[in-house]
């Protein structure tokens, strides 16, 4: 699979925090929604998974109306993250 979005391109030496508002909301990873610009290539894996789901099911996985609704939809399907995961994301 090849997906390109040059909206998030940056210099190879750039360091976080990065741009806070990134990626189309329905494909935005939880760390992009919650972590004030602290994300990595892992957000691309999340987005690719959302795209693959949509290709197979012909329906978006997390079609949030806004950022809060997006977090709510992710939570309803995946549940609450382990406290250690939350701490690592927010700490």
PDB file of N, CA and C in Angstrom:
ATOM      1  N   UNK A   1       0.856  -1.176   0.000  1.00  0.00           N
ATOM      2  CA  UNK A   1       0.000   0.000   0.000  1.00  0.00           C
ATOM      3  C   UNK A   1       0.900   1.236   0.000  1.00  0.00           C
ATOM      4  N   UNK A   2       0.524   2.209  -0.820  1.00  0.00           N
ATOM      5  CA  UNK A   2       1.239   3.483  -0.847  1.00  0.00           C
ATOM      6  C   UNK A   2       0.229   4.594  -0.604  1.00  0.00           C
ATOM      7  N   UNK A   3       0.482   5.352   0.423  1.00  0.00           N
ATOM      8  CA  UNK A   3      -0.361   6.500   0.753  1.00  0.00           C
ATOM      9  C   UNK A   3       0.569   7.683   0.935  1.00  0.00           C
ATOM     10  N   UNK A   4       0.232   8.793   0.333  1.00  0.00           N
ATOM     11  CA  UNK A   4       1.093   9.972   0.440  1.00  0.00           C
ATOM     12  C   UNK A   4       0.291  11.163   0.939  1.00  0.00           C
ATOM     13  N   UNK A   5       0.873  11.875   1.865  1.00  0.00           N
ATOM     14  CA  UNK A   5       0.308  13.120   2.377  1.00  0.00           C
ATOM     15  C   UNK A   5       1.486  14.003   2.744  1.00  0.00           C
ATOM     16  N   UNK A   6       1.807  14.931   1.874  1.00  0.00           N
ATOM     17  CA  UNK A   6       2.967  15.774   2.106  1.00  0.00           C
ATOM     18  C   UNK A   6       2.679  16.928   3.056  1.00  0.00           C
ATOM     19  N   UNK A   7       1.474  16.974   3.600  1.00  0.00           N
ATOM     20  CA  UNK A   7       1.124  18.017   4.554  1.00  0.00           C
ATOM     21  C   UNK A   7       1.894  17.918   5.855  1.00  0.00           C
ATOM     22  N   UNK A   8       2.444  16.752   6.142  1.00  0.00           N
ATOM     23  CA  UNK A   8       3.186  16.578   7.389  1.00  0.00           C
ATOM     24  C   UNK A   8       4.692  16.443   7.164  1.00  0.00           C
ATOM     25  N   UNK A   9       5.157  16.803   5.987  1.00  0.00           N
ATOM     26  CA  UNK A   9       6.599  16.727   5.705  1.00  0.00           C
ATOM     27  C   UNK A   9       7.358  17.724   6.571  1.00  0.00           C
ATOM     28  N   UNK A  10       8.556  17.333   6.962  1.00  0.00           N
ATOM     29  CA  UNK A  10       9.404  18.216   7.757  1.00  0.00           C
ATOM     30  C   UNK A  10      10.854  17.825   7.565  1.00  0.00           C
ATOM     31  N   UNK A  11      11.735  18.680   8.013  1.00  0.00           N
ATOM     32  CA  UNK A  11      13.169  18.418   7.957  1.00  0.00           C
ATOM     33  C   UNK A  11      13.495  17.176   8.779  1.00  0.00           C
ATOM     34  N   UNK A  12      14.400  16.367   8.302  1.00  0.00           N
ATOM     35  CA  UNK A  12      14.746  15.116   8.982  1.00  0.00           C
ATOM     36  C   UNK A  12      15.297  15.343  10.384  1.00  0.00           C
ATOM     37  N   UNK A  13      15.857  16.509  10.654  1.00  0.00           N
ATOM     38  CA  UNK A  13      16.422  16.806  11.971  1.00  0.00           C
ATOM     39  C   UNK A  13      15.443  17.498  12.916  1.00  0.00           C
ATOM     40  N   UNK A  14      14.201  17.723  12.486  1.00  0.00           N
ATOM     41  CA  UNK A  14      13.252  18.420  13.351  1.00  0.00           C
ATOM     42  C   UNK A  14      12.878  17.542  14.544  1.00  0.00           C
ATOM     43  N   UNK A  15      12.575  18.189  15.649  1.00  0.00           N
ATOM     44  CA  UNK A  15      12.269  17.503  16.907  1.00  0.00           C
ATOM     45  C   UNK A  15      10.871  17.897  17.380  1.00  0.00           C
ATOM     46  N   UNK A  16      10.212  17.026  18.178  1.00  0.00           N
ATOM     47  CA  UNK A  16       8.902  17.383  18.719  1.00  0.00           C
ATOM     48  C   UNK A  16       9.030  18.526  19.719  1.00  0.00           C
ATOM     49  N   UNK A  17       7.981  19.266  20.001  1.00  0.00           N
ATOM     50  CA  UNK A  17       6.636  19.041  19.484  1.00  0.00           C
ATOM     51  C   UNK A  17       6.494  19.518  18.046  1.00  0.00           C
ATOM     52  N   UNK A  18       5.672  18.790  17.304  1.00  0.00           N
ATOM     53  CA  UNK A  18       5.389  19.120  15.916  1.00  0.00           C
ATOM     54  C   UNK A  18       4.060  19.860  15.827  1.00  0.00           C
ATOM     55  N   UNK A  19       3.613  20.087  14.609  1.00  0.00           N
ATOM     56  CA  UNK A  19       2.319  20.719  14.372  1.00  0.00           C
ATOM     57  C   UNK A  19       1.231  19.912  15.073  1.00  0.00           C
ATOM     58  N   UNK A  20       0.361  20.593  15.817  1.00  0.00           N
ATOM     59  CA  UNK A  20      -0.675  19.881  16.566  1.00  0.00           C
ATOM     60  C   UNK A  20      -1.797  19.369  15.681  1.00  0.00           C
ATOM     61  N   UNK A  21      -2.245  20.179  14.723  1.00  0.00           N
ATOM     62  CA  UNK A  21      -3.372  19.759  13.890  1.00  0.00           C
ATOM     63  C   UNK A  21      -2.818  19.099  12.641  1.00  0.00           C
ATOM     64  N   UNK A  22      -2.873  17.778  12.613  1.00  0.00           N
ATOM     65  CA  UNK A  22      -2.290  17.018  11.515  1.00  0.00           C
ATOM     66  C   UNK A  22      -3.194  15.836  11.193  1.00  0.00           C
ATOM     67  N   UNK A  23      -3.211  15.441   9.962  1.00  0.00           N
ATOM     68  CA  UNK A  23      -3.965  14.278   9.473  1.00  0.00           C
ATOM     69  C   UNK A  23      -5.465  14.556   9.454  1.00  0.00           C
ATOM     70  N   UNK A  24      -6.132  13.924   8.532  1.00  0.00           N
ATOM     71  CA  UNK A  24      -7.586  14.013   8.463  1.00  0.00           C
ATOM     72  C   UNK A  24      -8.160  13.361   9.714  1.00  0.00           C
ATOM     73  N   UNK A  25      -9.116  14.026  10.342  1.00  0.00           N
ATOM     74  CA  UNK A  25      -9.614  13.607  11.653  1.00  0.00           C
ATOM     75  C   UNK A  25      -9.957  12.120  11.728  1.00  0.00           C
ATOM     76  N   UNK A  26     -10.642  11.559  10.768  1.00  0.00           N
ATOM     77  CA  UNK A  26     -11.087  10.167  10.845  1.00  0.00           C
ATOM     78  C   UNK A  26      -9.924   9.182  10.897  1.00  0.00           C
ATOM     79  N   UNK A  27      -8.746   9.619  10.470  1.00  0.00           N
ATOM     80  CA  UNK A  27      -7.579   8.736  10.398  1.00  0.00           C
ATOM     81  C   UNK A  27      -6.493   9.155  11.391  1.00  0.00           C
ATOM     82  N   UNK A  28      -6.826  10.088  12.252  1.00  0.00           N
ATOM     83  CA  UNK A  28      -5.857  10.637  13.205  1.00  0.00           C
ATOM     84  C   UNK A  28      -5.703   9.703  14.404  1.00  0.00           C
ATOM     85  N   UNK A  29      -4.472   9.425  14.766  1.00  0.00           N
ATOM     86  CA  UNK A  29      -4.189   8.508  15.878  1.00  0.00           C
ATOM     87  C   UNK A  29      -4.500   9.165  17.223  1.00  0.00           C
ATOM     88  N   UNK A  30      -4.726   8.354  18.257  1.00  0.00           N
ATOM     89  CA  UNK A  30      -5.014   8.921  19.578  1.00  0.00           C
ATOM     90  C   UNK A  30      -3.928   9.875  20.070  1.00  0.00           C
ATOM     91  N   UNK A  31      -2.651   9.544  19.809  1.00  0.00           N
ATOM     92  CA  UNK A  31      -1.595  10.446  20.280  1.00  0.00           C
ATOM     93  C   UNK A  31      -1.647  11.795  19.575  1.00  0.00           C
ATOM     94  N   UNK A  32      -2.112  11.816  18.339  1.00  0.00           N
ATOM     95  CA  UNK A  32      -2.269  13.098  17.636  1.00  0.00           C
ATOM     96  C   UNK A  32      -3.432  13.891  18.218  1.00  0.00           C
ATOM     97  N   UNK A  33      -4.446  13.192  18.684  1.00  0.00           N
ATOM     98  CA  UNK A  33      -5.601  13.860  19.277  1.00  0.00           C
ATOM     99  C   UNK A  33      -5.318  14.349  20.697  1.00  0.00           C
ATOM    100  N   UNK A  34      -4.427  13.681  21.408  1.00  0.00           N
ATOM    101  CA  UNK A  34      -4.258  13.944  22.841  1.00  0.00           C
ATOM    102  C   UNK A  34      -2.932  14.555  23.268  1.00  0.00           C
ATOM    103  N   UNK A  35      -1.917  14.557  22.427  1.00  0.00           N
ATOM    104  CA  UNK A  35      -0.561  14.807  22.934  1.00  0.00           C
ATOM    105  C   UNK A  35       0.118  16.087  22.484  1.00  0.00           C
ATOM    106  N   UNK A  36      -0.585  17.078  22.053  1.00  0.00           N
ATOM    107  CA  UNK A  36       0.009  18.386  21.773  1.00  0.00           C
ATOM    108  C   UNK A  36       1.273  18.336  20.921  1.00  0.00           C
ATOM    109  N   UNK A  37       1.207  17.644  19.807  1.00  0.00           N
ATOM    110  CA  UNK A  37       2.323  17.654  18.871  1.00  0.00           C
ATOM    111  C   UNK A  37       3.416  16.641  19.143  1.00  0.00           C
ATOM    112  N   UNK A  38       3.187  15.696  20.034  1.00  0.00           N
ATOM    113  CA  UNK A  38       4.191  14.656  20.314  1.00  0.00           C
ATOM    114  C   UNK A  38       3.720  13.344  19.693  1.00  0.00           C
ATOM    115  N   UNK A  39       4.192  13.085  18.492  1.00  0.00           N
ATOM    116  CA  UNK A  39       3.815  11.872  17.778  1.00  0.00           C
ATOM    117  C   UNK A  39       4.986  11.422  16.926  1.00  0.00           C
ATOM    118  N   UNK A  40       4.850  10.245  16.332  1.00  0.00           N
ATOM    119  CA  UNK A  40       5.935   9.681  15.530  1.00  0.00           C
ATOM    120  C   UNK A  40       5.359   8.972  14.308  1.00  0.00           C
ATOM    121  N   UNK A  41       6.203   8.202  13.655  1.00  0.00           N
ATOM    122  CA  UNK A  41       5.782   7.432  12.485  1.00  0.00           C
ATOM    123  C   UNK A  41       4.639   6.466  12.824  1.00  0.00           C
ATOM    124  N   UNK A  42       4.444   6.155  14.097  1.00  0.00           N
ATOM    125  CA  UNK A  42       3.399   5.212  14.496  1.00  0.00           C
ATOM    126  C   UNK A  42       2.014   5.718  14.118  1.00  0.00           C
ATOM    127  N   UNK A  43       1.865   7.049  14.040  1.00  0.00           N
ATOM    128  CA  UNK A  43       0.573   7.594  13.623  1.00  0.00           C
ATOM    129  C   UNK A  43       0.242   7.170  12.201  1.00  0.00           C
ATOM    130  N   UNK A  44       1.265   6.969  11.372  1.00  0.00           N
ATOM    131  CA  UNK A  44       1.041   6.522  10.000  1.00  0.00           C
ATOM    132  C   UNK A  44       0.522   5.087   9.967  1.00  0.00           C
ATOM    133  N   UNK A  45       0.984   4.257  10.902  1.00  0.00           N
ATOM    134  CA  UNK A  45       0.495   2.873  10.988  1.00  0.00           C
ATOM    135  C   UNK A  45      -0.977   2.870  11.375  1.00  0.00           C
ATOM    136  N   UNK A  46      -1.342   3.738  12.313  1.00  0.00           N
ATOM    137  CA  UNK A  46      -2.740   3.874  12.726  1.00  0.00           C
ATOM    138  C   UNK A  46      -3.587   4.283  11.525  1.00  0.00           C
ATOM    139  N   UNK A  47      -3.150   5.310  10.819  1.00  0.00           N
ATOM    140  CA  UNK A  47      -3.895   5.806   9.660  1.00  0.00           C
ATOM    141  C   UNK A  47      -4.036   4.733   8.593  1.00  0.00           C
ATOM    142  N   UNK A  48      -2.953   3.991   8.335  1.00  0.00           N
ATOM    143  CA  UNK A  48      -3.003   2.919   7.334  1.00  0.00           C
ATOM    144  C   UNK A  48      -4.009   1.848   7.747  1.00  0.00           C
ATOM    145  N   UNK A  49      -4.053   1.530   9.037  1.00  0.00           N
ATOM    146  CA  UNK A  49      -5.037   0.562   9.527  1.00  0.00           C
ATOM    147  C   UNK A  49      -6.456   1.045   9.322  1.00  0.00           C
ATOM    148  N   UNK A  50      -6.690   2.324   9.582  1.00  0.00           N
ATOM    149  CA  UNK A  50      -8.025   2.901   9.366  1.00  0.00           C
ATOM    150  C   UNK A  50      -8.406   2.860   7.893  1.00  0.00           C
ATOM    151  N   UNK A  51      -7.449   3.167   7.022  1.00  0.00           N
ATOM    152  CA  UNK A  51      -7.697   3.135   5.576  1.00  0.00           C
ATOM    153  C   UNK A  51      -7.986   1.700   5.128  1.00  0.00           C
ATOM    154  N   UNK A  52      -7.198   0.735   5.598  1.00  0.00           N
ATOM    155  CA  UNK A  52      -7.416  -0.667   5.216  1.00  0.00           C
ATOM    156  C   UNK A  52      -8.795  -1.145   5.658  1.00  0.00           C
ATOM    157  N   UNK A  53      -9.197  -0.781   6.869  1.00  0.00           N
ATOM    158  CA  UNK A  53     -10.530  -1.141   7.351  1.00  0.00           C
ATOM    159  C   UNK A  53     -11.599  -0.575   6.420  1.00  0.00           C
ATOM    160  N   UNK A  54     -11.420   0.686   6.054  1.00  0.00           N
ATOM    161  CA  UNK A  54     -12.414   1.337   5.203  1.00  0.00           C
ATOM    162  C   UNK A  54     -12.466   0.702   3.817  1.00  0.00           C
ATOM    163  N   UNK A  55     -11.324   0.311   3.273  1.00  0.00           N
ATOM    164  CA  UNK A  55     -11.295  -0.352   1.967  1.00  0.00           C
ATOM    165  C   UNK A  55     -12.058  -1.676   2.032  1.00  0.00           C
ATOM    166  N   UNK A  56     -11.831  -2.439   3.084  1.00  0.00           N
ATOM    167  CA  UNK A  56     -12.458  -3.762   3.215  1.00  0.00           C
ATOM    168  C   UNK A  56     -13.944  -3.659   3.542  1.00  0.00           C
ATOM    169  N   UNK A  57     -14.307  -2.782   4.467  1.00  0.00           N
ATOM    170  CA  UNK A  57     -15.698  -2.698   4.929  1.00  0.00           C
ATOM    171  C   UNK A  57     -16.552  -1.709   4.147  1.00  0.00           C
ATOM    172  N   UNK A  58     -15.894  -0.824   3.406  1.00  0.00           N
ATOM    173  CA  UNK A  58     -16.566   0.265   2.681  1.00  0.00           C
ATOM    174  C   UNK A  58     -17.247   1.251   3.626  1.00  0.00           C
ATOM    175  N   UNK A  59     -16.752   1.300   4.863  1.00  0.00           N
ATOM    176  CA  UNK A  59     -17.233   2.251   5.863  1.00  0.00           C
ATOM    177  C   UNK A  59     -16.043   2.741   6.680  1.00  0.00           C
ATOM    178  N   UNK A  60     -16.034   4.030   7.044  1.00  0.00           N
ATOM    179  CA  UNK A  60     -14.942   4.513   7.897  1.00  0.00           C
ATOM    180  C   UNK A  60     -15.038   3.888   9.286  1.00  0.00           C
ATOM    181  N   UNK A  61     -13.898   3.650   9.910  1.00  0.00           N
ATOM    182  CA  UNK A  61     -13.849   3.019  11.226  1.00  0.00           C
ATOM    183  C   UNK A  61     -14.220   3.992  12.338  1.00  0.00           C
ATOM    184  N   UNK A  62     -13.690   5.202  12.286  1.00  0.00           N
ATOM    185  CA  UNK A  62     -13.914   6.206  13.329  1.00  0.00           C
ATOM    186  C   UNK A  62     -14.354   7.531  12.702  1.00  0.00           C
ATOM    187  N   UNK A  63     -15.612   7.640  12.231  1.00  0.00           N
ATOM    188  CA  UNK A  63     -16.052   8.874  11.568  1.00  0.00           C
ATOM    189  C   UNK A  63     -16.510   9.949  12.557  1.00  0.00           C
ATOM    190  N   UNK A  64     -15.581  10.519  13.303  1.00  0.00           N
ATOM    191  CA  UNK A  64     -15.922  11.524  14.304  1.00  0.00           C
ATOM    192  C   UNK A  64     -16.355  12.846  13.693  1.00  0.00           C
ATOM    193  N   UNK A  65     -17.306  13.504  14.349  1.00  0.00           N
ATOM    194  CA  UNK A  65     -17.797  14.810  13.897  1.00  0.00           C
ATOM    195  C   UNK A  65     -16.894  15.955  14.340  1.00  0.00           C
ATOM    196  N   UNK A  66     -16.124  15.733  15.400  1.00  0.00           N
ATOM    197  CA  UNK A  66     -15.165  16.705  15.917  1.00  0.00           C
ATOM    198  C   UNK A  66     -14.132  15.911  16.720  1.00  0.00           C
ATOM    199  N   UNK A  67     -13.140  16.573  17.292  1.00  0.00           N
ATOM    200  CA  UNK A  67     -12.073  15.839  17.982  1.00  0.00           C
ATOM    201  C   UNK A  67     -12.583  15.061  19.196  1.00  0.00           C
ATOM    202  N   UNK A  68     -13.486  15.646  19.970  1.00  0.00           N
ATOM    203  CA  UNK A  68     -14.026  14.945  21.133  1.00  0.00           C
ATOM    204  C   UNK A  68     -14.828  13.717  20.701  1.00  0.00           C
ATOM    205  N   UNK A  69     -15.653  13.875  19.674  1.00  0.00           N
ATOM    206  CA  UNK A  69     -16.418  12.744  19.143  1.00  0.00           C
ATOM    207  C   UNK A  69     -15.479  11.676  18.587  1.00  0.00           C
ATOM    208  N   UNK A  70     -14.377  12.108  17.991  1.00  0.00           N
ATOM    209  CA  UNK A  70     -13.383  11.169  17.457  1.00  0.00           C
ATOM    210  C   UNK A  70     -12.810  10.306  18.584  1.00  0.00           C
ATOM    211  N   UNK A  71     -12.412  10.937  19.678  1.00  0.00           N
ATOM    212  CA  UNK A  71     -11.884  10.204  20.833  1.00  0.00           C
ATOM    213  C   UNK A  71     -12.950   9.254  21.384  1.00  0.00           C
ATOM    214  N   UNK A  72     -14.186   9.726  21.444  1.00  0.00           N
ATOM    215  CA  UNK A  72     -15.296   8.904  21.935  1.00  0.00           C
ATOM    216  C   UNK A  72     -15.490   7.663  21.057  1.00  0.00           C
ATOM    217  N   UNK A  73     -15.453   7.824  19.737  1.00  0.00           N
ATOM    218  CA  UNK A  73     -15.635   6.692  18.820  1.00  0.00           C
ATOM    219  C   UNK A  73     -14.493   5.680  18.960  1.00  0.00           C
ATOM    220  N   UNK A  74     -13.272   6.164  19.104  1.00  0.00           N
ATOM    221  CA  UNK A  74     -12.129   5.264  19.301  1.00  0.00           C
ATOM    222  C   UNK A  74     -12.301   4.498  20.613  1.00  0.00           C
ATOM    223  N   UNK A  75     -12.675   5.198  21.667  1.00  0.00           N
ATOM    224  CA  UNK A  75     -12.872   4.580  22.982  1.00  0.00           C
ATOM    225  C   UNK A  75     -13.973   3.527  22.933  1.00  0.00           C
ATOM    226  N   UNK A  76     -15.069   3.814  22.236  1.00  0.00           N
ATOM    227  CA  UNK A  76     -16.185   2.869  22.169  1.00  0.00           C
ATOM    228  C   UNK A  76     -15.790   1.553  21.506  1.00  0.00           C
ATOM    229  N   UNK A  77     -14.871   1.599  20.557  1.00  0.00           N
ATOM    230  CA  UNK A  77     -14.460   0.382  19.854  1.00  0.00           C
ATOM    231  C   UNK A  77     -13.279  -0.295  20.548  1.00  0.00           C
ATOM    232  N   UNK A  78     -12.291   0.476  20.960  1.00  0.00           N
ATOM    233  CA  UNK A  78     -11.060  -0.110  21.501  1.00  0.00           C
ATOM    234  C   UNK A  78     -10.993  -0.142  23.026  1.00  0.00           C
ATOM    235  N   UNK A  79     -11.873   0.601  23.688  1.00  0.00           N
ATOM    236  CA  UNK A  79     -11.855   0.637  25.142  1.00  0.00           C
ATOM    237  C   UNK A  79     -10.833   1.630  25.680  1.00  0.00           C
ATOM    238  N   UNK A  80     -10.709   1.634  26.996  1.00  0.00           N
ATOM    239  CA  UNK A  80      -9.787   2.542  27.669  1.00  0.00           C
ATOM    240  C   UNK A  80      -8.373   1.971  27.624  1.00  0.00           C
ATOM    241  N   UNK A  81      -7.398   2.779  27.248  1.00  0.00           N
ATOM    242  CA  UNK A  81      -6.016   2.290  27.244  1.00  0.00           C
ATOM    243  C   UNK A  81      -5.538   1.938  28.653  1.00  0.00           C
ATOM    244  N   UNK A  82      -4.597   1.039  28.713  1.00  0.00           N
ATOM    245  CA  UNK A  82      -3.935   0.687  29.958  1.00  0.00           C
ATOM    246  C   UNK A  82      -3.344   1.961  30.574  1.00  0.00           C
ATOM    247  N   UNK A  83      -3.413   2.125  31.904  1.00  0.00           N
ATOM    248  CA  UNK A  83      -2.875   3.335  32.538  1.00  0.00           C
ATOM    249  C   UNK A  83      -1.421   3.637  32.175  1.00  0.00           C
ATOM    250  N   UNK A  84      -0.604   2.606  32.008  1.00  0.00           N
ATOM    251  CA  UNK A  84       0.798   2.838  31.639  1.00  0.00           C
ATOM    252  C   UNK A  84       0.908   3.405  30.226  1.00  0.00           C
ATOM    253  N   UNK A  85       0.036   2.965  29.338  1.00  0.00           N
ATOM    254  CA  UNK A  85       0.040   3.498  27.971  1.00  0.00           C
ATOM    255  C   UNK A  85      -0.351   4.969  28.000  1.00  0.00           C
ATOM    256  N   UNK A  86      -1.404   5.294  28.752  1.00  0.00           N
ATOM    257  CA  UNK A  86      -1.820   6.694  28.870  1.00  0.00           C
ATOM    258  C   UNK A  86      -0.705   7.543  29.458  1.00  0.00           C
ATOM    259  N   UNK A  87      -0.055   7.040  30.486  1.00  0.00           N
ATOM    260  CA  UNK A  87       1.028   7.793  31.121  1.00  0.00           C
ATOM    261  C   UNK A  87       2.155   8.059  30.131  1.00  0.00           C
ATOM    262  N   UNK A  88       2.498   7.061  29.328  1.00  0.00           N
ATOM    263  CA  UNK A  88       3.580   7.250  28.355  1.00  0.00           C
ATOM    264  C   UNK A  88       3.176   8.230  27.263  1.00  0.00           C
ATOM    265  N   UNK A  89       1.884   8.254  26.908  1.00  0.00           N
ATOM    266  CA  UNK A  89       1.412   9.188  25.887  1.00  0.00           C
ATOM    267  C   UNK A  89       1.378  10.611  26.410  1.00  0.00           C
ATOM    268  N   UNK A  90       0.924  10.771  27.627  1.00  0.00           N
ATOM    269  CA  UNK A  90       0.683  12.109  28.169  1.00  0.00           C
ATOM    270  C   UNK A  90       1.831  12.627  29.026  1.00  0.00           C
ATOM    271  N   UNK A  91       2.791  11.785  29.340  1.00  0.00           N
ATOM    272  CA  UNK A  91       3.865  12.176  30.245  1.00  0.00           C
ATOM    273  C   UNK A  91       5.080  12.664  29.596  1.00  0.00           C
TER     274      UNK A  91
END
